[in-house]
Amino acid sequence: MKNLSRIKALLMFFAVVSLVRPAIAEEPDIQFGSVAMDIPAVMHKRLTPLTRYLSESLDRPVALRLSPNMGAAIKEAAEGTVDIAYLTPVAYIRAHKQGQARIVAKTVTKGKASFQLMIVVKEDSPIRTINDLIGKTFAFGDKRALLQRASVVGSGISMEQFASYEFLGHYDNIARAVYNGDFDAGILKDTKAFKWEGKGLRILYSSPDLPPYNIVVSKNVDDKLFKQIRQAFLDLDGNNPEHLKIIKALDKKYDGFIGTSDAEYNVVRELIKPFAK
């Protein structure tokens, strides 16, 4: 009788476990989104090491969900379609305004917790000053990247003074278009400009330091998970060879992440005001 009771108890235990396990397995993956800085294949390669690291750090699967353009990235972060996102300063500001997305950390580039936008021309171009851009063709990235236009106007030339300008989507498209002579000049993020400097392109103008690309979470992420995500990013140590691979995969010029706040992005809010209507 005792053996029979033990068998019944074991059967009940395994029955309970079989009910609990599916519930655990059905817990949804954490979705990681991103602005489309490069073509999807390149972005996937850049972000996959980071999502693997986060999966291990958070002890929960993190799945990559790439956005086709900035508008989609903003919408997904604002609406909570993604839980975590790698965004531009303007994309963060929009996601925060539209859906209370919260900022987690900001990137560090070459020891600086800021970045610059740079106007580039072909290396052998006769263009030497901003005034030389008057009547020339210009390449921008995403139409929603207001900071690009604000930085160009801040350099001393108005949009109306270009012969023409177009929006090519990704920074890589801009760099290649200027290199191929399809446009006289274009605007790049500093890391992309440095990559091409001396390899076909020349930096004509650099914007003032701006608060950088960042990591945000949607309003659906609770405080506990928010703190875990933030700590995971702050724990990425450039002195750790394995961590350095993850950081450099995202961007070769990055050194890591540090904490930040919404207030740091007020300078960008002011800069894009004339273009935000």
C-alpha atoms as a PDB file:
ATOM      1  CA  MET A   1       0.000   0.000   0.000  1.00  0.00           C
ATOM      2  CA  LYS A   2       2.861   2.343   0.850  1.00  0.00           C
ATOM      3  CA  ASN A   3       4.464   1.681  -2.550  1.00  0.00           C
ATOM      4  CA  LEU A   4       1.127   2.338  -4.261  1.00  0.00           C
ATOM      5  CA  SER A   5       0.775   5.642  -2.415  1.00  0.00           C
ATOM      6  CA  ARG A   6       4.274   6.657  -3.453  1.00  0.00           C
ATOM      7  CA  ILE A   7       3.534   5.827  -7.066  1.00  0.00           C
ATOM      8  CA  LYS A   8       0.328   7.897  -6.934  1.00  0.00           C
ATOM      9  CA  ALA A   9       2.243  10.802  -5.395  1.00  0.00           C
ATOM     10  CA  LEU A  10       4.904  10.641  -8.119  1.00  0.00           C
ATOM     11  CA  LEU A  11       2.240  10.519 -10.831  1.00  0.00           C
ATOM     12  CA  MET A  12       0.570  13.591  -9.367  1.00  0.00           C
ATOM     13  CA  PHE A  13       3.921  15.391  -9.203  1.00  0.00           C
ATOM     14  CA  PHE A  14       4.729  14.732 -12.845  1.00  0.00           C
ATOM     15  CA  ALA A  15       1.214  15.744 -13.842  1.00  0.00           C
ATOM     16  CA  VAL A  16       1.662  19.097 -12.128  1.00  0.00           C
ATOM     17  CA  VAL A  17       5.101  19.580 -13.722  1.00  0.00           C
ATOM     18  CA  SER A  18       3.673  18.819 -17.163  1.00  0.00           C
ATOM     19  CA  LEU A  19       1.116  21.575 -16.650  1.00  0.00           C
ATOM     20  CA  VAL A  20       3.641  24.118 -15.378  1.00  0.00           C
ATOM     21  CA  ARG A  21       6.322  23.595 -18.038  1.00  0.00           C
ATOM     22  CA  PRO A  22       4.219  24.665 -21.030  1.00  0.00           C
ATOM     23  CA  ALA A  23       3.264  27.849 -19.172  1.00  0.00           C
ATOM     24  CA  ILE A  24       6.943  28.671 -18.693  1.00  0.00           C
ATOM     25  CA  ALA A  25       7.810  27.774 -22.289  1.00  0.00           C
ATOM     26  CA  GLU A  26       5.043  29.996 -23.576  1.00  0.00           C
ATOM     27  CA  GLU A  27       6.531  33.104 -21.964  1.00  0.00           C
ATOM     28  CA  PRO A  28       7.123  35.408 -24.973  1.00  0.00           C
ATOM     29  CA  ASP A  29      10.596  36.285 -26.177  1.00  0.00           C
ATOM     30  CA  ILE A  30      11.873  39.774 -25.498  1.00  0.00           C
ATOM     31  CA  GLN A  31      11.728  41.601 -28.821  1.00  0.00           C
ATOM     32  CA  PHE A  32      14.716  43.756 -29.781  1.00  0.00           C
ATOM     33  CA  GLY A  33      14.179  46.396 -32.483  1.00  0.00           C
ATOM     34  CA  SER A  34      16.446  48.874 -34.226  1.00  0.00           C
ATOM     35  CA  VAL A  35      16.551  51.793 -36.607  1.00  0.00           C
ATOM     36  CA  ALA A  36      17.606  50.799 -40.121  1.00  0.00           C
ATOM     37  CA  MET A  37      21.133  52.218 -40.198  1.00  0.00           C
ATOM     38  CA  ASP A  38      22.239  49.678 -42.791  1.00  0.00           C
ATOM     39  CA  ILE A  39      20.613  47.061 -44.992  1.00  0.00           C
ATOM     40  CA  PRO A  40      18.814  44.313 -42.983  1.00  0.00           C
ATOM     41  CA  ALA A  41      21.522  41.685 -43.520  1.00  0.00           C
ATOM     42  CA  VAL A  42      24.187  44.009 -42.116  1.00  0.00           C
ATOM     43  CA  MET A  43      22.022  45.102 -39.177  1.00  0.00           C
ATOM     44  CA  HIS A  44      21.284  41.470 -38.351  1.00  0.00           C
ATOM     45  CA  LYS A  45      25.017  40.701 -38.276  1.00  0.00           C
ATOM     46  CA  ARG A  46      25.729  43.739 -36.116  1.00  0.00           C
ATOM     47  CA  LEU A  47      23.006  43.102 -33.544  1.00  0.00           C
ATOM     48  CA  THR A  48      22.983  39.313 -33.220  1.00  0.00           C
ATOM     49  CA  PRO A  49      25.954  39.130 -30.780  1.00  0.00           C
ATOM     50  CA  LEU A  50      24.198  41.697 -28.576  1.00  0.00           C
ATOM     51  CA  THR A  51      20.887  39.824 -28.521  1.00  0.00           C
ATOM     52  CA  ARG A  52      22.727  36.610 -27.638  1.00  0.00           C
ATOM     53  CA  TYR A  53      24.461  38.387 -24.775  1.00  0.00           C
ATOM     54  CA  LEU A  54      21.158  39.807 -23.522  1.00  0.00           C
ATOM     55  CA  SER A  55      19.509  36.380 -23.697  1.00  0.00           C
ATOM     56  CA  GLU A  56      22.206  35.028 -21.376  1.00  0.00           C
ATOM     57  CA  SER A  57      22.221  38.057 -19.066  1.00  0.00           C
ATOM     58  CA  LEU A  58      18.440  38.215 -18.710  1.00  0.00           C
ATOM     59  CA  ASP A  59      18.027  34.427 -18.697  1.00  0.00           C
ATOM     60  CA  ARG A  60      15.281  34.809 -21.280  1.00  0.00           C
ATOM     61  CA  PRO A  61      15.287  34.597 -25.088  1.00  0.00           C
ATOM     62  CA  VAL A  62      15.817  37.913 -26.879  1.00  0.00           C
ATOM     63  CA  ALA A  63      14.684  37.906 -30.496  1.00  0.00           C
ATOM     64  CA  LEU A  64      15.799  40.405 -33.123  1.00  0.00           C
ATOM     65  CA  ARG A  65      13.031  42.293 -34.921  1.00  0.00           C
ATOM     66  CA  LEU A  66      14.466  44.705 -37.499  1.00  0.00           C
ATOM     67  CA  SER A  67      12.514  47.743 -38.639  1.00  0.00           C
ATOM     68  CA  PRO A  68      12.494  48.667 -42.355  1.00  0.00           C
ATOM     69  CA  ASN A  69      12.833  52.392 -41.654  1.00  0.00           C
ATOM     70  CA  MET A  70      12.950  54.951 -38.859  1.00  0.00           C
ATOM     71  CA  GLY A  71       9.198  55.540 -38.868  1.00  0.00           C
ATOM     72  CA  ALA A  72       8.562  51.865 -38.225  1.00  0.00           C
ATOM     73  CA  ALA A  73      11.246  51.735 -35.522  1.00  0.00           C
ATOM     74  CA  ILE A  74       9.658  54.675 -33.712  1.00  0.00           C
ATOM     75  CA  LYS A  75       6.165  53.204 -33.967  1.00  0.00           C
ATOM     76  CA  GLU A  76       7.262  49.786 -32.708  1.00  0.00           C
ATOM     77  CA  ALA A  77       9.099  51.237 -29.713  1.00  0.00           C
ATOM     78  CA  ALA A  78       6.207  53.591 -28.922  1.00  0.00           C
ATOM     79  CA  GLU A  79       3.489  50.953 -29.242  1.00  0.00           C
ATOM     80  CA  GLY A  80       5.424  48.194 -27.488  1.00  0.00           C
ATOM     81  CA  THR A  81       5.729  45.895 -30.505  1.00  0.00           C
ATOM     82  CA  VAL A  82       9.372  45.669 -29.432  1.00  0.00           C
ATOM     83  CA  ASP A  83      10.532  45.652 -25.817  1.00  0.00           C
ATOM     84  CA  ILE A  84      14.039  47.016 -26.378  1.00  0.00           C
ATOM     85  CA  ALA A  85      15.288  49.187 -29.236  1.00  0.00           C
ATOM     86  CA  TYR A  86      18.517  50.702 -30.526  1.00  0.00           C
ATOM     87  CA  LEU A  87      17.517  54.182 -31.683  1.00  0.00           C
ATOM     88  CA  THR A  88      18.835  57.498 -32.955  1.00  0.00           C
ATOM     89  CA  PRO A  89      18.388  60.575 -30.714  1.00  0.00           C
ATOM     90  CA  VAL A  90      15.380  61.807 -32.727  1.00  0.00           C
ATOM     91  CA  ALA A  91      13.825  58.335 -32.883  1.00  0.00           C
ATOM     92  CA  TYR A  92      14.053  58.113 -29.083  1.00  0.00           C
ATOM     93  CA  ILE A  93      12.481  61.559 -28.647  1.00  0.00           C
ATOM     94  CA  ARG A  94       9.590  60.557 -30.917  1.00  0.00           C
ATOM     95  CA  ALA A  95       9.083  57.172 -29.241  1.00  0.00           C
ATOM     96  CA  HIS A  96       9.117  58.849 -25.832  1.00  0.00           C
ATOM     97  CA  LYS A  97       6.585  61.466 -26.903  1.00  0.00           C
ATOM     98  CA  GLN A  98       4.272  59.041 -28.682  1.00  0.00           C
ATOM     99  CA  GLY A  99       4.415  56.120 -26.277  1.00  0.00           C
ATOM    100  CA  GLN A 100       6.468  56.976 -23.184  1.00  0.00           C
ATOM    101  CA  ALA A 101       9.421  54.830 -24.233  1.00  0.00           C
ATOM    102  CA  ARG A 102      12.105  55.031 -21.539  1.00  0.00           C
ATOM    103  CA  ILE A 103      15.792  55.571 -22.151  1.00  0.00           C
ATOM    104  CA  VAL A 104      18.146  52.938 -20.735  1.00  0.00           C
ATOM    105  CA  ALA A 105      21.685  53.810 -21.789  1.00  0.00           C
ATOM    106  CA  LYS A 106      23.675  55.681 -24.416  1.00  0.00           C
ATOM    107  CA  THR A 107      26.601  54.632 -26.554  1.00  0.00           C
ATOM    108  CA  VAL A 108      30.218  55.655 -26.016  1.00  0.00           C
ATOM    109  CA  THR A 109      32.262  56.326 -29.167  1.00  0.00           C
ATOM    110  CA  LYS A 110      36.051  56.594 -28.977  1.00  0.00           C
ATOM    111  CA  GLY A 111      35.758  57.507 -25.308  1.00  0.00           C
ATOM    112  CA  LYS A 112      33.038  60.108 -25.943  1.00  0.00           C
ATOM    113  CA  ALA A 113      29.425  59.778 -24.838  1.00  0.00           C
ATOM    114  CA  SER A 114      28.341  61.894 -27.796  1.00  0.00           C
ATOM    115  CA  PHE A 115      28.443  61.769 -31.570  1.00  0.00           C
ATOM    116  CA  GLN A 116      28.653  64.058 -34.587  1.00  0.00           C
ATOM    117  CA  LEU A 117      26.989  64.210 -37.970  1.00  0.00           C
ATOM    118  CA  MET A 118      29.404  64.920 -40.788  1.00  0.00           C
ATOM    119  CA  ILE A 119      29.050  66.292 -44.293  1.00  0.00           C
ATOM    120  CA  VAL A 120      31.247  64.350 -46.690  1.00  0.00           C
ATOM    121  CA  VAL A 121      32.359  64.840 -50.281  1.00  0.00           C
ATOM    122  CA  LYS A 122      34.397  62.729 -52.645  1.00  0.00           C
ATOM    123  CA  GLU A 123      38.090  62.777 -51.738  1.00  0.00           C
ATOM    124  CA  ASP A 124      39.121  64.567 -54.939  1.00  0.00           C
ATOM    125  CA  SER A 125      36.112  66.925 -54.994  1.00  0.00           C
ATOM    126  CA  PRO A 126      36.801  70.639 -55.617  1.00  0.00           C
ATOM    127  CA  ILE A 127      34.296  71.445 -52.835  1.00  0.00           C
ATOM    128  CA  ARG A 128      36.263  72.929 -49.938  1.00  0.00           C
ATOM    129  CA  THR A 129      33.784  75.023 -47.960  1.00  0.00           C
ATOM    130  CA  ILE A 130      30.102  74.923 -47.052  1.00  0.00           C
ATOM    131  CA  ASN A 131      29.442  77.780 -49.496  1.00  0.00           C
ATOM    132  CA  ASP A 132      30.772  75.554 -52.269  1.00  0.00           C
ATOM    133  CA  LEU A 133      27.731  73.322 -51.704  1.00  0.00           C
ATOM    134  CA  ILE A 134      25.389  75.998 -53.083  1.00  0.00           C
ATOM    135  CA  GLY A 135      23.882  74.694 -56.314  1.00  0.00           C
ATOM    136  CA  LYS A 136      25.143  71.156 -55.666  1.00  0.00           C
ATOM    137  CA  THR A 137      23.316  67.859 -55.103  1.00  0.00           C
ATOM    138  CA  PHE A 138      23.038  66.381 -51.611  1.00  0.00           C
ATOM    139  CA  ALA A 139      22.209  62.955 -50.160  1.00  0.00           C
ATOM    140  CA  PHE A 140      20.294  62.501 -46.888  1.00  0.00           C
ATOM    141  CA  GLY A 141      19.248  59.286 -45.171  1.00  0.00           C
ATOM    142  CA  ASP A 142      15.755  58.654 -43.832  1.00  0.00           C
ATOM    143  CA  LYS A 143      13.162  61.407 -44.341  1.00  0.00           C
ATOM    144  CA  ARG A 144      12.317  61.192 -40.638  1.00  0.00           C
ATOM    145  CA  ALA A 145      15.938  61.798 -39.602  1.00  0.00           C
ATOM    146  CA  LEU A 146      15.280  65.449 -38.769  1.00  0.00           C
ATOM    147  CA  LEU A 147      18.612  65.844 -37.028  1.00  0.00           C
ATOM    148  CA  GLN A 148      20.393  65.349 -40.349  1.00  0.00           C
ATOM    149  CA  ARG A 149      18.615  68.308 -41.937  1.00  0.00           C
ATOM    150  CA  ALA A 150      18.996  70.413 -38.784  1.00  0.00           C
ATOM    151  CA  SER A 151      22.748  69.748 -38.736  1.00  0.00           C
ATOM    152  CA  VAL A 152      23.145  70.633 -42.413  1.00  0.00           C
ATOM    153  CA  VAL A 153      21.272  73.905 -41.953  1.00  0.00           C
ATOM    154  CA  GLY A 154      23.367  74.508 -38.835  1.00  0.00           C
ATOM    155  CA  SER A 155      26.495  74.270 -40.998  1.00  0.00           C
ATOM    156  CA  GLY A 156      25.429  77.439 -42.821  1.00  0.00           C
ATOM    157  CA  ILE A 157      23.462  76.361 -45.884  1.00  0.00           C
ATOM    158  CA  SER A 158      19.694  76.213 -46.360  1.00  0.00           C
ATOM    159  CA  MET A 159      17.882  73.339 -48.000  1.00  0.00           C
ATOM    160  CA  GLU A 160      16.693  75.676 -50.762  1.00  0.00           C
ATOM    161  CA  GLN A 161      20.280  76.414 -51.796  1.00  0.00           C
ATOM    162  CA  PHE A 162      20.919  72.883 -53.013  1.00  0.00           C
ATOM    163  CA  ALA A 163      20.312  72.162 -56.693  1.00  0.00           C
ATOM    164  CA  SER A 164      18.513  69.053 -55.447  1.00  0.00           C
ATOM    165  CA  TYR A 165      18.547  66.572 -52.585  1.00  0.00           C
ATOM    166  CA  GLU A 166      17.243  63.075 -52.044  1.00  0.00           C
ATOM    167  CA  PHE A 167      16.658  60.667 -49.165  1.00  0.00           C
ATOM    168  CA  LEU A 168      18.501  57.382 -49.666  1.00  0.00           C
ATOM    169  CA  GLY A 169      17.575  55.584 -46.456  1.00  0.00           C
ATOM    170  CA  HIS A 170      20.770  54.084 -45.050  1.00  0.00           C
ATOM    171  CA  TYR A 171      24.126  55.710 -44.327  1.00  0.00           C
ATOM    172  CA  ASP A 172      25.816  53.057 -46.421  1.00  0.00           C
ATOM    173  CA  ASN A 173      23.718  54.133 -49.410  1.00  0.00           C
ATOM    174  CA  ILE A 174      24.765  57.762 -48.866  1.00  0.00           C
ATOM    175  CA  ALA A 175      28.472  56.932 -48.638  1.00  0.00           C
ATOM    176  CA  ARG A 176      28.416  54.854 -51.813  1.00  0.00           C
ATOM    177  CA  ALA A 177      26.329  57.407 -53.720  1.00  0.00           C
ATOM    178  CA  VAL A 178      28.792  60.209 -52.943  1.00  0.00           C
ATOM    179  CA  TYR A 179      31.754  57.941 -53.674  1.00  0.00           C
ATOM    180  CA  ASN A 180      30.232  56.938 -57.025  1.00  0.00           C
ATOM    181  CA  GLY A 181      29.606  60.572 -57.948  1.00  0.00           C
ATOM    182  CA  ASP A 182      25.818  60.310 -57.904  1.00  0.00           C
ATOM    183  CA  PHE A 183      25.728  63.212 -55.429  1.00  0.00           C
ATOM    184  CA  ASP A 184      28.181  66.008 -54.714  1.00  0.00           C
ATOM    185  CA  ALA A 185      27.887  65.597 -50.945  1.00  0.00           C
ATOM    186  CA  GLY A 186      25.996  63.755 -48.228  1.00  0.00           C
ATOM    187  CA  ILE A 187      25.644  63.443 -44.475  1.00  0.00           C
ATOM    188  CA  LEU A 188      26.955  60.545 -42.394  1.00  0.00           C
ATOM    189  CA  LYS A 189      27.163  59.543 -38.757  1.00  0.00           C
ATOM    190  CA  ASP A 190      30.709  60.042 -37.478  1.00  0.00           C
ATOM    191  CA  THR A 191      31.554  56.337 -37.308  1.00  0.00           C
ATOM    192  CA  LYS A 192      30.511  55.806 -40.932  1.00  0.00           C
ATOM    193  CA  ALA A 193      32.390  58.948 -42.015  1.00  0.00           C
ATOM    194  CA  PHE A 194      35.560  57.772 -40.237  1.00  0.00           C
ATOM    195  CA  LYS A 195      35.230  54.403 -41.966  1.00  0.00           C
ATOM    196  CA  TRP A 196      35.270  56.090 -45.395  1.00  0.00           C
ATOM    197  CA  GLU A 197      37.743  58.854 -44.591  1.00  0.00           C
ATOM    198  CA  GLY A 198      40.855  58.409 -46.725  1.00  0.00           C
ATOM    199  CA  LYS A 199      39.123  55.620 -48.628  1.00  0.00           C
ATOM    200  CA  GLY A 200      37.340  57.722 -51.200  1.00  0.00           C
ATOM    201  CA  LEU A 201      35.550  60.310 -49.066  1.00  0.00           C
ATOM    202  CA  ARG A 202      36.629  63.480 -47.272  1.00  0.00           C
ATOM    203  CA  ILE A 203      34.974  65.088 -44.235  1.00  0.00           C
ATOM    204  CA  LEU A 204      33.937  68.660 -45.068  1.00  0.00           C
ATOM    205  CA  TYR A 205      32.060  69.617 -41.897  1.00  0.00           C
ATOM    206  CA  SER A 206      31.395  68.164 -38.448  1.00  0.00           C
ATOM    207  CA  SER A 207      28.406  69.103 -36.301  1.00  0.00           C
ATOM    208  CA  PRO A 208      28.765  70.029 -32.617  1.00  0.00           C
ATOM    209  CA  ASP A 209      28.707  67.117 -30.177  1.00  0.00           C
ATOM    210  CA  LEU A 210      25.229  65.617 -29.868  1.00  0.00           C
ATOM    211  CA  PRO A 211      23.754  63.113 -27.402  1.00  0.00           C
ATOM    212  CA  PRO A 212      24.283  59.754 -29.062  1.00  0.00           C
ATOM    213  CA  TYR A 213      22.449  56.693 -30.253  1.00  0.00           C
ATOM    214  CA  ASN A 214      20.796  54.926 -27.371  1.00  0.00           C
ATOM    215  CA  ILE A 215      18.963  51.937 -25.970  1.00  0.00           C
ATOM    216  CA  VAL A 216      15.333  52.340 -24.928  1.00  0.00           C
ATOM    217  CA  VAL A 217      12.568  50.121 -23.598  1.00  0.00           C
ATOM    218  CA  SER A 218       8.859  50.351 -24.294  1.00  0.00           C
ATOM    219  CA  LYS A 219       6.297  51.312 -21.675  1.00  0.00           C
ATOM    220  CA  ASN A 220       5.313  47.614 -21.460  1.00  0.00           C
ATOM    221  CA  VAL A 221       8.615  46.761 -19.746  1.00  0.00           C
ATOM    222  CA  ASP A 222       8.157  46.748 -15.981  1.00  0.00           C
ATOM    223  CA  ASP A 223      10.597  48.359 -13.547  1.00  0.00           C
ATOM    224  CA  LYS A 224      12.243  45.071 -12.589  1.00  0.00           C
ATOM    225  CA  LEU A 225      13.032  44.123 -16.181  1.00  0.00           C
ATOM    226  CA  PHE A 226      14.040  47.726 -16.953  1.00  0.00           C
ATOM    227  CA  LYS A 227      16.702  47.577 -14.222  1.00  0.00           C
ATOM    228  CA  GLN A 228      17.923  44.185 -15.432  1.00  0.00           C
ATOM    229  CA  ILE A 229      18.241  45.441 -19.012  1.00  0.00           C
ATOM    230  CA  ARG A 230      20.033  48.607 -17.925  1.00  0.00           C
ATOM    231  CA  GLN A 231      22.474  46.629 -15.793  1.00  0.00           C
ATOM    232  CA  ALA A 232      23.166  44.243 -18.668  1.00  0.00           C
ATOM    233  CA  PHE A 233      24.220  47.152 -20.875  1.00  0.00           C
ATOM    234  CA  LEU A 234      26.254  48.855 -18.147  1.00  0.00           C
ATOM    235  CA  ASP A 235      28.014  45.543 -17.444  1.00  0.00           C
ATOM    236  CA  LEU A 236      29.398  45.354 -20.995  1.00  0.00           C
ATOM    237  CA  ASP A 237      33.100  45.868 -20.306  1.00  0.00           C
ATOM    238  CA  GLY A 238      35.442  46.902 -23.101  1.00  0.00           C
ATOM    239  CA  ASN A 239      38.340  45.351 -21.182  1.00  0.00           C
ATOM    240  CA  ASN A 240      36.644  41.961 -21.423  1.00  0.00           C
ATOM    241  CA  PRO A 241      37.601  40.419 -24.818  1.00  0.00           C
ATOM    242  CA  GLU A 242      34.252  38.654 -25.194  1.00  0.00           C
ATOM    243  CA  HIS A 243      32.315  41.791 -24.341  1.00  0.00           C
ATOM    244  CA  LEU A 244      34.491  43.840 -26.680  1.00  0.00           C
ATOM    245  CA  LYS A 245      33.501  41.587 -29.591  1.00  0.00           C
ATOM    246  CA  ILE A 246      29.825  42.285 -28.854  1.00  0.00           C
ATOM    247  CA  ILE A 247      30.385  46.043 -28.641  1.00  0.00           C
ATOM    248  CA  LYS A 248      32.515  46.213 -31.801  1.00  0.00           C
ATOM    249  CA  ALA A 249      30.055  44.066 -33.740  1.00  0.00           C
ATOM    250  CA  LEU A 250      27.447  46.790 -33.193  1.00  0.00           C
ATOM    251  CA  ASP A 251      29.890  49.496 -34.265  1.00  0.00           C
ATOM    252  CA  LYS A 252      33.670  49.269 -34.515  1.00  0.00           C
ATOM    253  CA  LYS A 253      34.056  52.755 -33.040  1.00  0.00           C
ATOM    254  CA  TYR A 254      31.965  52.002 -29.939  1.00  0.00           C
ATOM    255  CA  ASP A 255      33.583  51.459 -26.543  1.00  0.00           C
ATOM    256  CA  GLY A 256      30.450  50.498 -24.628  1.00  0.00           C
ATOM    257  CA  PHE A 257      27.429  52.026 -22.883  1.00  0.00           C
ATOM    258  CA  ILE A 258      26.853  54.380 -19.968  1.00  0.00           C
ATOM    259  CA  GLY A 259      23.774  55.661 -18.179  1.00  0.00           C
ATOM    260  CA  THR A 260      21.845  58.679 -19.430  1.00  0.00           C
ATOM    261  CA  SER A 261      18.599  60.577 -18.904  1.00  0.00           C
ATOM    262  CA  ASP A 262      15.810  62.099 -20.959  1.00  0.00           C
ATOM    263  CA  ALA A 263      17.018  65.625 -20.131  1.00  0.00           C
ATOM    264  CA  GLU A 264      20.282  65.049 -22.018  1.00  0.00           C
ATOM    265  CA  TYR A 265      18.278  64.941 -25.247  1.00  0.00           C
ATOM    266  CA  ASN A 266      16.718  68.397 -24.807  1.00  0.00           C
ATOM    267  CA  VAL A 267      19.471  69.895 -26.974  1.00  0.00           C
ATOM    268  CA  VAL A 268      18.253  67.731 -29.849  1.00  0.00           C
ATOM    269  CA  ARG A 269      14.646  68.718 -29.205  1.00  0.00           C
ATOM    270  CA  GLU A 270      15.615  72.363 -29.610  1.00  0.00           C
ATOM    271  CA  LEU A 271      17.690  71.713 -32.720  1.00  0.00           C
ATOM    272  CA  ILE A 272      14.909  69.922 -34.601  1.00  0.00           C
ATOM    273  CA  LYS A 273      12.070  72.293 -33.647  1.00  0.00           C
ATOM    274  CA  PRO A 274      12.050  74.105 -37.022  1.00  0.00           C
ATOM    275  CA  PHE A 275      11.788  70.762 -38.831  1.00  0.00           C
ATOM    276  CA  ALA A 276       9.309  69.047 -36.532  1.00  0.00           C
ATOM    277  CA  LYS A 277       6.124  70.557 -37.959  1.00  0.00           C
END
